[in-house]
Amino acid sequence: MQEEVLQQDIGCRIMRLRESYGYTREILAEKLGISWQHLANIEKDRRGIPLPLLLQLREQFNVSADYLIYGTANENDITDLIAMLEGVDEAVYPYVKESVISLLKLWNYKKDNPGESCG
């Protein structure tokens, strides 16, 4: 049962990432070298995801495999994010801060309401 939930979560995260990049299934599938139907089946939990494809997605979206599989960031991701934020120019810092806060609120909302955006 837990394996089914994990796979559904992976498919949901892939769909959310794809949509956040503004990609259609066709565009992402072409980038990955698979059919859009195959991608749709992964997103809808009808098909598992092979490791090589998981690694391609990790590179495509610049996220960790931990995030794709478990929905969590690893320590290196957090360290990299902190380093990027420390380098932000003071003039744009308020805008970056506002954007990050908005994204975190959105992600926390989706995490607390997982059935609303995948299905």
N, C-alpha and C. Protein backbone atom coordinates (compact mmCIF):
# COMPACT_ATOMS: atom_id res chain seq x y z
N MET A 1 0.82 -1.20 0.00
CA MET A 1 0.00 0.00 0.00
C MET A 1 0.86 1.26 0.00
N GLN A 2 1.90 1.30 0.86
CA GLN A 2 2.76 2.48 0.93
C GLN A 2 3.49 2.69 -0.38
N GLU A 3 3.88 1.61 -1.08
CA GLU A 3 4.55 1.74 -2.38
C GLU A 3 3.63 2.40 -3.40
N GLU A 4 2.32 2.07 -3.36
CA GLU A 4 1.36 2.70 -4.26
C GLU A 4 1.23 4.19 -3.98
N VAL A 5 1.18 4.55 -2.72
CA VAL A 5 1.08 5.96 -2.34
C VAL A 5 2.33 6.70 -2.79
N LEU A 6 3.51 6.10 -2.58
CA LEU A 6 4.76 6.72 -2.98
C LEU A 6 4.78 6.97 -4.48
N GLN A 7 4.37 5.98 -5.29
CA GLN A 7 4.36 6.14 -6.74
C GLN A 7 3.39 7.25 -7.15
N GLN A 8 2.23 7.31 -6.52
CA GLN A 8 1.27 8.35 -6.84
C GLN A 8 1.86 9.72 -6.51
N ASP A 9 2.55 9.81 -5.40
CA ASP A 9 3.19 11.07 -5.02
C ASP A 9 4.25 11.47 -6.03
N ILE A 10 5.03 10.51 -6.53
CA ILE A 10 6.05 10.80 -7.54
C ILE A 10 5.38 11.36 -8.79
N GLY A 11 4.34 10.70 -9.24
CA GLY A 11 3.63 11.16 -10.44
C GLY A 11 3.07 12.55 -10.25
N CYS A 12 2.53 12.81 -9.08
CA CYS A 12 1.97 14.12 -8.77
C CYS A 12 3.06 15.19 -8.76
N ARG A 13 4.20 14.87 -8.14
CA ARG A 13 5.30 15.84 -8.11
C ARG A 13 5.81 16.13 -9.51
N ILE A 14 5.90 15.10 -10.35
CA ILE A 14 6.34 15.30 -11.73
C ILE A 14 5.37 16.22 -12.46
N MET A 15 4.07 15.98 -12.29
CA MET A 15 3.08 16.81 -12.94
C MET A 15 3.19 18.26 -12.46
N ARG A 16 3.33 18.46 -11.16
CA ARG A 16 3.44 19.82 -10.62
C ARG A 16 4.69 20.53 -11.15
N LEU A 17 5.80 19.82 -11.20
CA LEU A 17 7.02 20.41 -11.73
C LEU A 17 6.85 20.77 -13.21
N ARG A 18 6.28 19.85 -13.96
CA ARG A 18 6.06 20.09 -15.39
C ARG A 18 5.22 21.34 -15.58
N GLU A 19 4.13 21.44 -14.84
CA GLU A 19 3.24 22.60 -14.96
C GLU A 19 3.92 23.88 -14.50
N SER A 20 4.75 23.80 -13.45
CA SER A 20 5.43 25.00 -12.96
C SER A 20 6.43 25.53 -13.98
N TYR A 21 6.95 24.66 -14.83
CA TYR A 21 7.86 25.08 -15.89
C TYR A 21 7.10 25.50 -17.15
N GLY A 22 5.78 25.34 -17.13
CA GLY A 22 4.97 25.71 -18.29
C GLY A 22 5.05 24.71 -19.42
N TYR A 23 5.45 23.48 -19.12
CA TYR A 23 5.56 22.45 -20.14
C TYR A 23 4.25 21.69 -20.29
N THR A 24 3.91 21.39 -21.52
CA THR A 24 2.84 20.44 -21.76
C THR A 24 3.44 19.04 -21.63
N ARG A 25 2.60 18.04 -21.57
CA ARG A 25 3.13 16.67 -21.54
C ARG A 25 3.94 16.39 -22.79
N GLU A 26 3.49 16.92 -23.90
CA GLU A 26 4.19 16.69 -25.17
C GLU A 26 5.60 17.27 -25.14
N ILE A 27 5.73 18.48 -24.61
CA ILE A 27 7.04 19.14 -24.56
C ILE A 27 7.99 18.38 -23.64
N LEU A 28 7.53 18.06 -22.42
CA LEU A 28 8.41 17.35 -21.49
C LEU A 28 8.75 15.96 -22.03
N ALA A 29 7.78 15.27 -22.58
CA ALA A 29 8.04 13.93 -23.11
C ALA A 29 9.10 13.99 -24.21
N GLU A 30 9.02 15.00 -25.06
CA GLU A 30 10.03 15.14 -26.13
C GLU A 30 11.41 15.37 -25.53
N LYS A 31 11.50 16.20 -24.50
CA LYS A 31 12.78 16.46 -23.84
C LYS A 31 13.36 15.19 -23.22
N LEU A 32 12.47 14.30 -22.75
CA LEU A 32 12.89 13.07 -22.09
C LEU A 32 13.07 11.90 -23.05
N GLY A 33 12.60 12.07 -24.28
CA GLY A 33 12.72 10.99 -25.27
C GLY A 33 11.71 9.87 -25.06
N ILE A 34 10.53 10.23 -24.52
CA ILE A 34 9.47 9.24 -24.33
C ILE A 34 8.19 9.80 -24.96
N SER A 35 7.17 8.97 -25.05
CA SER A 35 5.90 9.44 -25.60
C SER A 35 5.13 10.21 -24.53
N TRP A 36 4.27 11.11 -24.98
CA TRP A 36 3.46 11.85 -24.00
C TRP A 36 2.52 10.91 -23.28
N GLN A 37 2.11 9.81 -23.93
CA GLN A 37 1.24 8.83 -23.28
C GLN A 37 1.97 8.14 -22.12
N HIS A 38 3.25 7.83 -22.34
CA HIS A 38 4.05 7.22 -21.27
C HIS A 38 4.13 8.17 -20.08
N LEU A 39 4.40 9.45 -20.36
CA LEU A 39 4.47 10.45 -19.30
C LEU A 39 3.13 10.57 -18.57
N ALA A 40 2.04 10.58 -19.32
CA ALA A 40 0.72 10.67 -18.70
C ALA A 40 0.47 9.47 -17.78
N ASN A 41 0.90 8.30 -18.21
CA ASN A 41 0.72 7.10 -17.38
C ASN A 41 1.54 7.18 -16.10
N ILE A 42 2.72 7.77 -16.16
CA ILE A 42 3.53 7.94 -14.94
C ILE A 42 2.85 8.95 -14.02
N GLU A 43 2.42 10.07 -14.57
CA GLU A 43 1.78 11.11 -13.76
C GLU A 43 0.49 10.61 -13.11
N LYS A 44 -0.22 9.72 -13.79
CA LYS A 44 -1.50 9.23 -13.27
C LYS A 44 -1.38 7.91 -12.53
N ASP A 45 -0.14 7.51 -12.22
CA ASP A 45 0.09 6.30 -11.42
C ASP A 45 -0.33 5.03 -12.14
N ARG A 46 -0.28 5.03 -13.45
CA ARG A 46 -0.60 3.82 -14.20
C ARG A 46 0.66 3.06 -14.59
N ARG A 47 1.80 3.69 -14.38
CA ARG A 47 3.06 3.09 -14.78
C ARG A 47 4.16 3.57 -13.83
N GLY A 48 5.04 2.65 -13.47
CA GLY A 48 6.18 3.01 -12.62
C GLY A 48 7.19 3.83 -13.42
N ILE A 49 8.15 4.37 -12.72
CA ILE A 49 9.16 5.19 -13.37
C ILE A 49 10.52 4.50 -13.28
N PRO A 50 11.14 4.23 -14.43
CA PRO A 50 12.46 3.60 -14.40
C PRO A 50 13.53 4.57 -13.88
N LEU A 51 14.57 4.04 -13.27
CA LEU A 51 15.62 4.86 -12.68
C LEU A 51 16.25 5.83 -13.69
N PRO A 52 16.60 5.40 -14.90
CA PRO A 52 17.20 6.37 -15.83
C PRO A 52 16.28 7.57 -16.12
N LEU A 53 14.98 7.34 -16.18
CA LEU A 53 14.04 8.43 -16.41
C LEU A 53 13.95 9.33 -15.18
N LEU A 54 13.98 8.73 -14.00
CA LEU A 54 13.98 9.52 -12.77
C LEU A 54 15.19 10.45 -12.73
N LEU A 55 16.34 9.93 -13.14
CA LEU A 55 17.55 10.74 -13.16
C LEU A 55 17.46 11.86 -14.21
N GLN A 56 16.85 11.58 -15.35
CA GLN A 56 16.64 12.62 -16.36
C GLN A 56 15.74 13.73 -15.81
N LEU A 57 14.69 13.35 -15.13
CA LEU A 57 13.77 14.34 -14.55
C LEU A 57 14.48 15.18 -13.50
N ARG A 58 15.31 14.55 -12.73
CA ARG A 58 16.08 15.26 -11.71
C ARG A 58 16.92 16.36 -12.36
N GLU A 59 17.58 16.02 -13.46
CA GLU A 59 18.40 17.00 -14.18
C GLU A 59 17.53 18.05 -14.86
N GLN A 60 16.44 17.63 -15.47
CA GLN A 60 15.57 18.55 -16.21
C GLN A 60 15.01 19.65 -15.30
N PHE A 61 14.62 19.26 -14.08
CA PHE A 61 13.98 20.21 -13.17
C PHE A 61 14.92 20.74 -12.09
N ASN A 62 16.18 20.27 -12.11
CA ASN A 62 17.17 20.73 -11.14
C ASN A 62 16.67 20.51 -9.70
N VAL A 63 16.18 19.31 -9.45
CA VAL A 63 15.75 18.91 -8.11
C VAL A 63 16.49 17.63 -7.74
N SER A 64 16.46 17.29 -6.48
CA SER A 64 17.11 16.06 -6.05
C SER A 64 16.20 14.86 -6.29
N ALA A 65 16.83 13.71 -6.39
CA ALA A 65 16.04 12.47 -6.47
C ALA A 65 15.22 12.30 -5.20
N ASP A 66 15.76 12.75 -4.07
CA ASP A 66 15.01 12.70 -2.80
C ASP A 66 13.69 13.45 -2.94
N TYR A 67 13.74 14.61 -3.58
CA TYR A 67 12.51 15.38 -3.74
C TYR A 67 11.52 14.62 -4.62
N LEU A 68 11.98 14.09 -5.74
CA LEU A 68 11.07 13.38 -6.64
C LEU A 68 10.46 12.15 -5.96
N ILE A 69 11.26 11.44 -5.21
CA ILE A 69 10.77 10.19 -4.60
C ILE A 69 9.98 10.45 -3.31
N TYR A 70 10.55 11.27 -2.43
CA TYR A 70 9.96 11.43 -1.10
C TYR A 70 9.28 12.77 -0.86
N GLY A 71 9.53 13.73 -1.75
CA GLY A 71 8.94 15.05 -1.57
C GLY A 71 9.69 15.91 -0.58
N THR A 72 10.93 15.52 -0.26
CA THR A 72 11.74 16.27 0.68
C THR A 72 13.06 16.66 0.03
N ALA A 73 13.62 17.72 0.51
CA ALA A 73 14.94 18.16 0.03
C ALA A 73 16.01 17.52 0.89
N ASN A 74 17.18 17.30 0.30
CA ASN A 74 18.28 16.80 1.11
C ASN A 74 19.12 17.98 1.60
N GLU A 75 20.07 17.73 2.45
CA GLU A 75 20.85 18.80 3.07
C GLU A 75 21.61 19.63 2.04
N ASN A 76 22.11 18.99 0.97
CA ASN A 76 22.83 19.73 -0.07
C ASN A 76 21.91 20.73 -0.77
N ASP A 77 20.65 20.35 -1.01
CA ASP A 77 19.70 21.26 -1.64
C ASP A 77 19.50 22.51 -0.78
N ILE A 78 19.36 22.30 0.51
CA ILE A 78 19.13 23.42 1.42
C ILE A 78 20.35 24.32 1.47
N THR A 79 21.54 23.72 1.53
CA THR A 79 22.79 24.50 1.53
C THR A 79 22.91 25.32 0.26
N ASP A 80 22.61 24.71 -0.89
CA ASP A 80 22.67 25.43 -2.17
C ASP A 80 21.68 26.58 -2.19
N LEU A 81 20.49 26.36 -1.69
CA LEU A 81 19.46 27.41 -1.66
C LEU A 81 19.91 28.58 -0.78
N ILE A 82 20.46 28.28 0.36
CA ILE A 82 20.94 29.33 1.26
C ILE A 82 22.04 30.14 0.57
N ALA A 83 22.95 29.46 -0.11
CA ALA A 83 24.04 30.16 -0.80
C ALA A 83 23.48 31.09 -1.89
N MET A 84 22.47 30.63 -2.62
CA MET A 84 21.87 31.47 -3.66
C MET A 84 21.20 32.69 -3.05
N LEU A 85 20.49 32.50 -1.94
CA LEU A 85 19.79 33.62 -1.30
C LEU A 85 20.78 34.63 -0.70
N GLU A 86 21.90 34.14 -0.21
CA GLU A 86 22.89 35.06 0.35
C GLU A 86 23.49 35.96 -0.72
N GLY A 87 23.48 35.51 -1.97
CA GLY A 87 24.05 36.30 -3.05
C GLY A 87 23.09 37.27 -3.71
N VAL A 88 21.87 37.36 -3.21
CA VAL A 88 20.87 38.23 -3.81
C VAL A 88 21.19 39.69 -3.50
N ASP A 89 21.11 40.52 -4.52
CA ASP A 89 21.35 41.96 -4.37
C ASP A 89 20.33 42.55 -3.40
N GLU A 90 20.78 43.45 -2.54
CA GLU A 90 19.90 44.05 -1.54
C GLU A 90 18.71 44.77 -2.14
N ALA A 91 18.87 45.31 -3.34
CA ALA A 91 17.78 46.06 -3.98
C ALA A 91 16.61 45.16 -4.36
N VAL A 92 16.90 43.90 -4.68
CA VAL A 92 15.81 43.00 -5.08
C VAL A 92 15.42 42.02 -3.98
N TYR A 93 16.15 42.07 -2.86
CA TYR A 93 15.88 41.13 -1.77
C TYR A 93 14.42 41.10 -1.33
N PRO A 94 13.74 42.24 -1.15
CA PRO A 94 12.34 42.18 -0.72
C PRO A 94 11.45 41.42 -1.71
N TYR A 95 11.74 41.53 -3.00
CA TYR A 95 10.93 40.84 -4.00
C TYR A 95 11.21 39.34 -3.98
N VAL A 96 12.48 38.99 -3.80
CA VAL A 96 12.84 37.58 -3.71
C VAL A 96 12.20 36.97 -2.47
N LYS A 97 12.29 37.68 -1.36
CA LYS A 97 11.70 37.19 -0.11
C LYS A 97 10.20 36.97 -0.27
N GLU A 98 9.52 37.93 -0.86
CA GLU A 98 8.08 37.82 -1.06
C GLU A 98 7.74 36.63 -1.96
N SER A 99 8.53 36.43 -3.01
CA SER A 99 8.31 35.30 -3.92
C SER A 99 8.52 33.96 -3.23
N VAL A 100 9.59 33.87 -2.45
CA VAL A 100 9.89 32.62 -1.73
C VAL A 100 8.78 32.31 -0.73
N ILE A 101 8.33 33.30 0.00
CA ILE A 101 7.25 33.10 0.98
C ILE A 101 5.99 32.63 0.28
N SER A 102 5.66 33.24 -0.85
CA SER A 102 4.46 32.83 -1.60
C SER A 102 4.57 31.39 -2.08
N LEU A 103 5.75 31.01 -2.58
CA LEU A 103 5.95 29.63 -3.03
C LEU A 103 5.84 28.65 -1.88
N LEU A 104 6.44 28.99 -0.75
CA LEU A 104 6.36 28.09 0.40
C LEU A 104 4.93 27.91 0.88
N LYS A 105 4.17 28.98 0.89
CA LYS A 105 2.76 28.89 1.28
C LYS A 105 2.00 27.99 0.31
N LEU A 106 2.26 28.15 -0.99
CA LEU A 106 1.60 27.32 -1.99
C LEU A 106 1.98 25.85 -1.81
N TRP A 107 3.27 25.56 -1.65
CA TRP A 107 3.70 24.18 -1.48
C TRP A 107 3.14 23.58 -0.21
N ASN A 108 3.12 24.32 0.88
CA ASN A 108 2.57 23.80 2.12
C ASN A 108 1.07 23.56 1.97
N TYR A 109 0.38 24.44 1.27
CA TYR A 109 -1.05 24.22 1.03
C TYR A 109 -1.25 22.94 0.24
N LYS A 110 -0.47 22.74 -0.82
CA LYS A 110 -0.61 21.54 -1.64
C LYS A 110 -0.24 20.29 -0.85
N LYS A 111 0.78 20.43 0.03
CA LYS A 111 1.17 19.28 0.85
C LYS A 111 0.04 18.91 1.81
N ASP A 112 -0.63 19.90 2.36
CA ASP A 112 -1.71 19.65 3.29
C ASP A 112 -3.01 19.26 2.61
N ASN A 113 -3.12 19.51 1.30
CA ASN A 113 -4.30 19.19 0.51
C ASN A 113 -3.90 18.43 -0.75
N PRO A 114 -3.31 17.23 -0.59
CA PRO A 114 -2.70 16.55 -1.72
C PRO A 114 -3.67 16.12 -2.82
N GLY A 115 -4.90 15.90 -2.51
CA GLY A 115 -5.81 15.42 -3.53
C GLY A 115 -6.35 16.50 -4.46
N GLU A 116 -6.10 17.74 -4.15
CA GLU A 116 -6.72 18.82 -4.91
C GLU A 116 -6.09 19.08 -6.26
N SER A 117 -4.79 18.85 -6.43
CA SER A 117 -4.18 19.23 -7.69
C SER A 117 -3.69 18.05 -8.50
N CYS A 118 -3.84 16.85 -8.04
CA CYS A 118 -3.45 15.66 -8.80
C CYS A 118 -4.63 14.72 -8.88
N GLY A 119 -4.74 14.13 -10.01
CA GLY A 119 -5.84 13.17 -10.11
C GLY A 119 -6.30 12.95 -11.50
